[in-house]
Every structure is written in structure tokens, then in C-alpha cells.
Amino acid sequence: EYNGTENSFSLYSLVGGRTVREFMDGTKEKE
């Protein structure tokens, strides 16, 4: 979610995820 005070990576989710398919058993394929 955020960077540190020195050299660092931050990993976070972005808006726009979606359900691609929904199966009869309730399972969803998501991007």
C-alpha cells in the first residue's frame, strides 16, 4: 500500500477489477 522512507517498492490494488465469468456453481473468474 505505501513506500518506505528509503528505496522501496509498494504493491497495491487498483480500481477496475471485474468479474469475467460466473459459473453455475457460483465460482467467478475475476481480473
All heavy atoms as atom14 arrays in JSON, in Angstrom:
{
  "sequence": "EYNGTENSFSLYSLVGGRTVREFMDGTKEKE",
  "atom14_mask": [
    [1, 1, 1, 1, 1, 1, 1, 1, 1, 0, 0, 0, 0, 0],
    [1, 1, 1, 1, 1, 1, 1, 1, 1, 1, 1, 1, 0, 0],
    [1, 1, 1, 1, 1, 1, 1, 1, 0, 0, 0, 0, 0, 0],
    [1, 1, 1, 1, 0, 0, 0, 0, 0, 0, 0, 0, 0, 0],
    [1, 1, 1, 1, 1, 1, 1, 0, 0, 0, 0, 0, 0, 0],
    [1, 1, 1, 1, 1, 1, 1, 1, 1, 0, 0, 0, 0, 0],
    [1, 1, 1, 1, 1, 1, 1, 1, 0, 0, 0, 0, 0, 0],
    [1, 1, 1, 1, 1, 1, 0, 0, 0, 0, 0, 0, 0, 0],
    [1, 1, 1, 1, 1, 1, 1, 1, 1, 1, 1, 0, 0, 0],
    [1, 1, 1, 1, 1, 1, 0, 0, 0, 0, 0, 0, 0, 0],
    [1, 1, 1, 1, 1, 1, 1, 1, 0, 0, 0, 0, 0, 0],
    [1, 1, 1, 1, 1, 1, 1, 1, 1, 1, 1, 1, 0, 0],
    [1, 1, 1, 1, 1, 1, 0, 0, 0, 0, 0, 0, 0, 0],
    [1, 1, 1, 1, 1, 1, 1, 1, 0, 0, 0, 0, 0, 0],
    [1, 1, 1, 1, 1, 1, 1, 0, 0, 0, 0, 0, 0, 0],
    [1, 1, 1, 1, 0, 0, 0, 0, 0, 0, 0, 0, 0, 0],
    [1, 1, 1, 1, 0, 0, 0, 0, 0, 0, 0, 0, 0, 0],
    [1, 1, 1, 1, 1, 1, 1, 1, 1, 1, 1, 0, 0, 0],
    [1, 1, 1, 1, 1, 1, 1, 0, 0, 0, 0, 0, 0, 0],
    [1, 1, 1, 1, 1, 1, 1, 0, 0, 0, 0, 0, 0, 0],
    [1, 1, 1, 1, 1, 1, 1, 1, 1, 1, 1, 0, 0, 0],
    [1, 1, 1, 1, 1, 1, 1, 1, 1, 0, 0, 0, 0, 0],
    [1, 1, 1, 1, 1, 1, 1, 1, 1, 1, 1, 0, 0, 0],
    [1, 1, 1, 1, 1, 1, 1, 1, 0, 0, 0, 0, 0, 0],
    [1, 1, 1, 1, 1, 1, 1, 1, 0, 0, 0, 0, 0, 0],
    [1, 1, 1, 1, 0, 0, 0, 0, 0, 0, 0, 0, 0, 0],
    [1, 1, 1, 1, 1, 1, 1, 0, 0, 0, 0, 0, 0, 0],
    [1, 1, 1, 1, 1, 1, 1, 1, 1, 0, 0, 0, 0, 0],
    [1, 1, 1, 1, 1, 1, 1, 1, 1, 0, 0, 0, 0, 0],
    [1, 1, 1, 1, 1, 1, 1, 1, 1, 0, 0, 0, 0, 0],
    [1, 1, 1, 1, 1, 1, 1, 1, 1, 0, 0, 0, 0, 0]
  ],
  "atom14_positions": [
    [[0.78, -1.24, 0.0], [0.0, 0.0, 0.0], [0.81, 1.29, 0.0], [0.3, 2.32, -0.36], [-1.0, 0.07, 1.17], [-1.87, -1.15, 1.34], [-2.79, -1.44, 0.17], [-3.1, -0.52, -0.61], [-3.21, -2.59, 0.04], [0.0, 0.0, 0.0], [0.0, 0.0, 0.0], [0.0, 0.0, 0.0], [0.0, 0.0, 0.0], [0.0, 0.0, 0.0]],
    [[2.06, 1.32, 0.45], [2.81, 2.57, 0.54], [4.29, 2.28, 0.36], [4.74, 1.15, 0.49], [2.57, 3.27, 1.87], [3.06, 2.46, 3.06], [4.34, 2.66, 3.57], [2.27, 1.48, 3.65], [4.81, 1.9, 4.63], [2.73, 0.73, 4.71], [4.0, 0.94, 5.19], [4.45, 0.19, 6.24], [0.0, 0.0, 0.0], [0.0, 0.0, 0.0]],
    [[5.07, 3.34, 0.08], [6.52, 3.2, 0.02], [7.12, 3.52, 1.37], [6.54, 4.27, 2.16], [7.12, 4.16, -1.02], [6.93, 3.67, -2.43], [6.05, 4.16, -3.14], [7.73, 2.72, -2.85], [0.0, 0.0, 0.0], [0.0, 0.0, 0.0], [0.0, 0.0, 0.0], [0.0, 0.0, 0.0], [0.0, 0.0, 0.0], [0.0, 0.0, 0.0]],
    [[8.32, 2.99, 1.61], [9.07, 3.33, 2.82], [9.75, 4.67, 2.66], [9.58, 5.37, 1.65], [0.0, 0.0, 0.0], [0.0, 0.0, 0.0], [0.0, 0.0, 0.0], [0.0, 0.0, 0.0], [0.0, 0.0, 0.0], [0.0, 0.0, 0.0], [0.0, 0.0, 0.0], [0.0, 0.0, 0.0], [0.0, 0.0, 0.0], [0.0, 0.0, 0.0]],
    [[10.56, 5.03, 3.63], [11.26, 6.33, 3.59], [12.5, 6.28, 2.72], [13.0, 7.32, 2.31], [11.64, 6.78, 5.01], [12.46, 5.77, 5.61], [10.4, 7.05, 5.85], [0.0, 0.0, 0.0], [0.0, 0.0, 0.0], [0.0, 0.0, 0.0], [0.0, 0.0, 0.0], [0.0, 0.0, 0.0], [0.0, 0.0, 0.0], [0.0, 0.0, 0.0]],
    [[13.02, 5.09, 2.44], [14.2, 4.92, 1.58], [13.78, 4.19, 0.3], [12.6, 4.05, 0.03], [15.29, 4.16, 2.34], [15.84, 4.92, 3.52], [16.51, 6.23, 3.13], [17.22, 6.28, 2.1], [16.31, 7.23, 3.84], [0.0, 0.0, 0.0], [0.0, 0.0, 0.0], [0.0, 0.0, 0.0], [0.0, 0.0, 0.0], [0.0, 0.0, 0.0]],
    [[14.75, 3.67, -0.45], [14.44, 2.91, -1.65], [13.45, 1.8, -1.31], [13.65, 1.06, -0.34], [15.71, 2.26, -2.23], [16.68, 3.27, -2.8], [16.35, 4.42, -3.03], [17.9, 2.83, -3.03], [0.0, 0.0, 0.0], [0.0, 0.0, 0.0], [0.0, 0.0, 0.0], [0.0, 0.0, 0.0], [0.0, 0.0, 0.0], [0.0, 0.0, 0.0]],
    [[12.38, 1.71, -2.08], [11.35, 0.71, -1.75], [10.39, 0.5, -2.92], [10.29, 1.33, -3.82], [10.55, 1.14, -0.52], [9.89, 2.38, -0.76], [0.0, 0.0, 0.0], [0.0, 0.0, 0.0], [0.0, 0.0, 0.0], [0.0, 0.0, 0.0], [0.0, 0.0, 0.0], [0.0, 0.0, 0.0], [0.0, 0.0, 0.0], [0.0, 0.0, 0.0]],
    [[9.72, -0.63, -2.84], [8.59, -0.93, -3.72], [7.32, -0.83, -2.9], [7.32, -1.12, -1.71], [8.67, -2.38, -4.25], [9.73, -2.61, -5.27], [10.84, -3.38, -4.97], [9.61, -2.08, -6.55], [11.81, -3.62, -5.91], [10.6, -2.31, -7.5], [11.7, -3.08, -7.18], [0.0, 0.0, 0.0], [0.0, 0.0, 0.0], [0.0, 0.0, 0.0]],
    [[6.23, -0.47, -3.56], [4.91, -0.57, -2.93], [3.99, -1.3, -3.91], [4.0, -1.06, -5.12], [4.34, 0.8, -2.56], [4.17, 1.62, -3.69], [0.0, 0.0, 0.0], [0.0, 0.0, 0.0], [0.0, 0.0, 0.0], [0.0, 0.0, 0.0], [0.0, 0.0, 0.0], [0.0, 0.0, 0.0], [0.0, 0.0, 0.0], [0.0, 0.0, 0.0]],
    [[3.21, -2.22, -3.35], [2.26, -3.02, -4.11], [0.87, -2.68, -3.64], [0.62, -2.67, -2.43], [2.55, -4.51, -3.89], [1.56, -5.5, -4.5], [1.63, -5.46, -6.03], [1.85, -6.91, -4.0], [0.0, 0.0, 0.0], [0.0, 0.0, 0.0], [0.0, 0.0, 0.0], [0.0, 0.0, 0.0], [0.0, 0.0, 0.0], [0.0, 0.0, 0.0]],
    [[-0.03, -2.4, -4.57], [-1.39, -2.06, -4.19], [-2.36, -2.39, -5.32], [-1.98, -2.48, -6.48], [-1.51, -0.58, -3.8], [-0.8, 0.37, -4.74], [-1.44, 0.91, -5.85], [0.53, 0.71, -4.5], [-0.78, 1.77, -6.7], [1.2, 1.58, -5.36], [0.53, 2.1, -6.44], [1.2, 2.95, -7.29], [0.0, 0.0, 0.0], [0.0, 0.0, 0.0]],
    [[-3.61, -2.58, -4.93], [-4.66, -2.87, -5.91], [-5.17, -1.57, -6.51], [-5.1, -0.51, -5.88], [-5.8, -3.65, -5.27], [-6.39, -2.9, -4.24], [0.0, 0.0, 0.0], [0.0, 0.0, 0.0], [0.0, 0.0, 0.0], [0.0, 0.0, 0.0], [0.0, 0.0, 0.0], [0.0, 0.0, 0.0], [0.0, 0.0, 0.0], [0.0, 0.0, 0.0]],
    [[-5.69, -1.68, -7.72], [-6.27, -0.54, -8.43], [-7.75, -0.78, -8.7], [-8.19, -1.93, -8.72], [-5.56, -0.33, -9.77], [-4.08, 0.03, -9.73], [-3.51, 0.04, -11.15], [-3.88, 1.39, -9.08], [0.0, 0.0, 0.0], [0.0, 0.0, 0.0], [0.0, 0.0, 0.0], [0.0, 0.0, 0.0], [0.0, 0.0, 0.0], [0.0, 0.0, 0.0]],
    [[-8.47, 0.26, -8.95], [-9.87, 0.14, -9.32], [-9.97, -0.53, -10.69], [-9.0, -0.58, -11.45], [-10.59, 1.51, -9.36], [-10.52, 2.17, -8.01], [-10.01, 2.4, -10.42], [0.0, 0.0, 0.0], [0.0, 0.0, 0.0], [0.0, 0.0, 0.0], [0.0, 0.0, 0.0], [0.0, 0.0, 0.0], [0.0, 0.0, 0.0], [0.0, 0.0, 0.0]],
    [[-11.13, -1.02, -11.0], [-11.38, -1.56, -12.34], [-11.37, -3.06, -12.43], [-11.51, -3.61, -13.52], [0.0, 0.0, 0.0], [0.0, 0.0, 0.0], [0.0, 0.0, 0.0], [0.0, 0.0, 0.0], [0.0, 0.0, 0.0], [0.0, 0.0, 0.0], [0.0, 0.0, 0.0], [0.0, 0.0, 0.0], [0.0, 0.0, 0.0], [0.0, 0.0, 0.0]],
    [[-11.16, -3.76, -11.3], [-11.27, -5.21, -11.33], [-12.68, -5.6, -11.77], [-13.63, -4.84, -11.59], [0.0, 0.0, 0.0], [0.0, 0.0, 0.0], [0.0, 0.0, 0.0], [0.0, 0.0, 0.0], [0.0, 0.0, 0.0], [0.0, 0.0, 0.0], [0.0, 0.0, 0.0], [0.0, 0.0, 0.0], [0.0, 0.0, 0.0], [0.0, 0.0, 0.0]],
    [[-12.79, -6.78, -12.35], [-14.12, -7.16, -12.84], [-14.27, -8.67, -12.84], [-13.3, -9.42, -12.87], [-14.35, -6.62, -14.24], [-13.46, -7.25, -15.29], [-13.59, -6.54, -16.64], [-12.82, -7.24, -17.65], [-13.34, -8.02, -18.58], [-14.64, -8.2, -18.63], [-12.58, -8.62, -19.46], [0.0, 0.0, 0.0], [0.0, 0.0, 0.0], [0.0, 0.0, 0.0]],
    [[-15.52, -9.08, -12.83], [-15.86, -10.49, -13.0], [-15.97, -10.76, -14.49], [-16.75, -10.1, -15.19], [-17.19, -10.83, -12.28], [-17.02, -10.59, -10.88], [-17.58, -12.28, -12.51], [0.0, 0.0, 0.0], [0.0, 0.0, 0.0], [0.0, 0.0, 0.0], [0.0, 0.0, 0.0], [0.0, 0.0, 0.0], [0.0, 0.0, 0.0], [0.0, 0.0, 0.0]],
    [[-15.2, -11.71, -14.97], [-15.18, -12.05, -16.39], [-16.29, -13.05, -16.7], [-17.0, -12.92, -17.7], [-13.82, -12.64, -16.8], [-13.81, -13.07, -18.25], [-12.71, -11.64, -16.52], [0.0, 0.0, 0.0], [0.0, 0.0, 0.0], [0.0, 0.0, 0.0], [0.0, 0.0, 0.0], [0.0, 0.0, 0.0], [0.0, 0.0, 0.0], [0.0, 0.0, 0.0]],
    [[-16.41, -14.06, -15.82], [-17.42, -15.1, -15.98], [-17.89, -15.55, -14.62], [-17.14, -15.52, -13.66], [-16.82, -16.33, -16.67], [-16.69, -16.26, -18.14], [-16.3, -17.6, -18.69], [-14.85, -17.77, -18.51], [-14.15, -18.72, -19.05], [-14.75, -19.64, -19.78], [-12.86, -18.8, -18.87], [0.0, 0.0, 0.0], [0.0, 0.0, 0.0], [0.0, 0.0, 0.0]],
    [[-19.12, -15.99, -14.59], [-19.65, -16.62, -13.38], [-20.19, -17.99, -13.78], [-20.93, -18.13, -14.74], [-20.76, -15.78, -12.76], [-21.16, -16.3, -11.4], [-22.02, -15.32, -10.62], [-22.14, -14.15, -11.03], [-22.57, -15.75, -9.59], [0.0, 0.0, 0.0], [0.0, 0.0, 0.0], [0.0, 0.0, 0.0], [0.0, 0.0, 0.0], [0.0, 0.0, 0.0]],
    [[-19.77, -19.0, -13.03], [-20.14, -20.37, -13.34], [-21.36, -20.79, -12.53], [-21.7, -20.17, -11.52], [-18.95, -21.31, -13.07], [-17.75, -20.98, -13.91], [-16.76, -20.12, -13.43], [-17.61, -21.49, -15.2], [-15.65, -19.81, -14.2], [-16.5, -21.18, -15.97], [-15.52, -20.33, -15.47], [0.0, 0.0, 0.0], [0.0, 0.0, 0.0], [0.0, 0.0, 0.0]],
    [[-22.0, -21.87, -12.94], [-23.24, -22.33, -12.3], [-23.03, -22.68, -10.83], [-23.95, -22.58, -10.04], [-23.82, -23.52, -13.06], [-24.07, -23.19, -14.5], [-25.66, -23.4, -15.24], [-26.71, -24.28, -14.27], [0.0, 0.0, 0.0], [0.0, 0.0, 0.0], [0.0, 0.0, 0.0], [0.0, 0.0, 0.0], [0.0, 0.0, 0.0], [0.0, 0.0, 0.0]],
    [[-21.83, -23.1, -10.45], [-21.57, -23.45, -9.06], [-21.26, -22.23, -8.19], [-20.94, -22.36, -7.01], [-20.44, -24.48, -8.95], [-19.09, -23.93, -9.38], [-19.01, -22.76, -9.84], [-18.09, -24.67, -9.26], [0.0, 0.0, 0.0], [0.0, 0.0, 0.0], [0.0, 0.0, 0.0], [0.0, 0.0, 0.0], [0.0, 0.0, 0.0], [0.0, 0.0, 0.0]],
    [[-21.32, -21.03, -8.74], [-21.06, -19.8, -8.0], [-19.62, -19.31, -8.11], [-19.31, -18.2, -7.67], [0.0, 0.0, 0.0], [0.0, 0.0, 0.0], [0.0, 0.0, 0.0], [0.0, 0.0, 0.0], [0.0, 0.0, 0.0], [0.0, 0.0, 0.0], [0.0, 0.0, 0.0], [0.0, 0.0, 0.0], [0.0, 0.0, 0.0], [0.0, 0.0, 0.0]],
    [[-18.74, -20.11, -8.69], [-17.35, -19.69, -8.89], [-17.31, -18.55, -9.88], [-18.05, -18.53, -10.86], [-16.51, -20.87, -9.41], [-16.58, -21.94, -8.46], [-15.06, -20.48, -9.64], [0.0, 0.0, 0.0], [0.0, 0.0, 0.0], [0.0, 0.0, 0.0], [0.0, 0.0, 0.0], [0.0, 0.0, 0.0], [0.0, 0.0, 0.0], [0.0, 0.0, 0.0]],
    [[-16.43, -17.57, -9.61], [-16.28, -16.43, -10.51], [-14.85, -16.34, -10.99], [-13.91, -16.52, -10.22], [-16.62, -15.13, -9.77], [-18.06, -15.04, -9.37], [-18.33, -13.76, -8.61], [-19.79, -13.72, -8.17], [-20.09, -12.54, -7.39], [0.0, 0.0, 0.0], [0.0, 0.0, 0.0], [0.0, 0.0, 0.0], [0.0, 0.0, 0.0], [0.0, 0.0, 0.0]],
    [[-14.69, -16.08, -12.27], [-13.38, -15.75, -12.82], [-13.26, -14.24, -12.78], [-14.11, -13.53, -13.33], [-13.22, -16.26, -14.25], [-11.86, -15.96, -14.82], [-11.68, -16.46, -16.24], [-12.56, -17.17, -16.76], [-10.64, -16.12, -16.82], [0.0, 0.0, 0.0], [0.0, 0.0, 0.0], [0.0, 0.0, 0.0], [0.0, 0.0, 0.0], [0.0, 0.0, 0.0]],
    [[-12.21, -13.76, -12.11], [-12.03, -12.31, -11.94], [-10.7, -11.87, -12.51], [-9.72, -12.61, -12.48], [-12.09, -11.94, -10.46], [-13.45, -12.15, -9.83], [-13.41, -11.7, -8.37], [-14.81, -11.66, -7.83], [-15.32, -10.32, -7.69], [0.0, 0.0, 0.0], [0.0, 0.0, 0.0], [0.0, 0.0, 0.0], [0.0, 0.0, 0.0], [0.0, 0.0, 0.0]],
    [[-10.7, -10.65, -13.01], [-9.47, -9.96, -13.39], [-9.3, -8.81, -12.41], [-10.16, -7.93, -12.33], [-9.56, -9.43, -14.82], [-9.57, -10.51, -15.87], [-9.66, -9.95, -17.27], [-10.06, -8.79, -17.47], [-9.35, -10.71, -18.19], [0.0, 0.0, 0.0], [0.0, 0.0, 0.0], [0.0, 0.0, 0.0], [0.0, 0.0, 0.0], [0.0, 0.0, 0.0]]
  ]
}
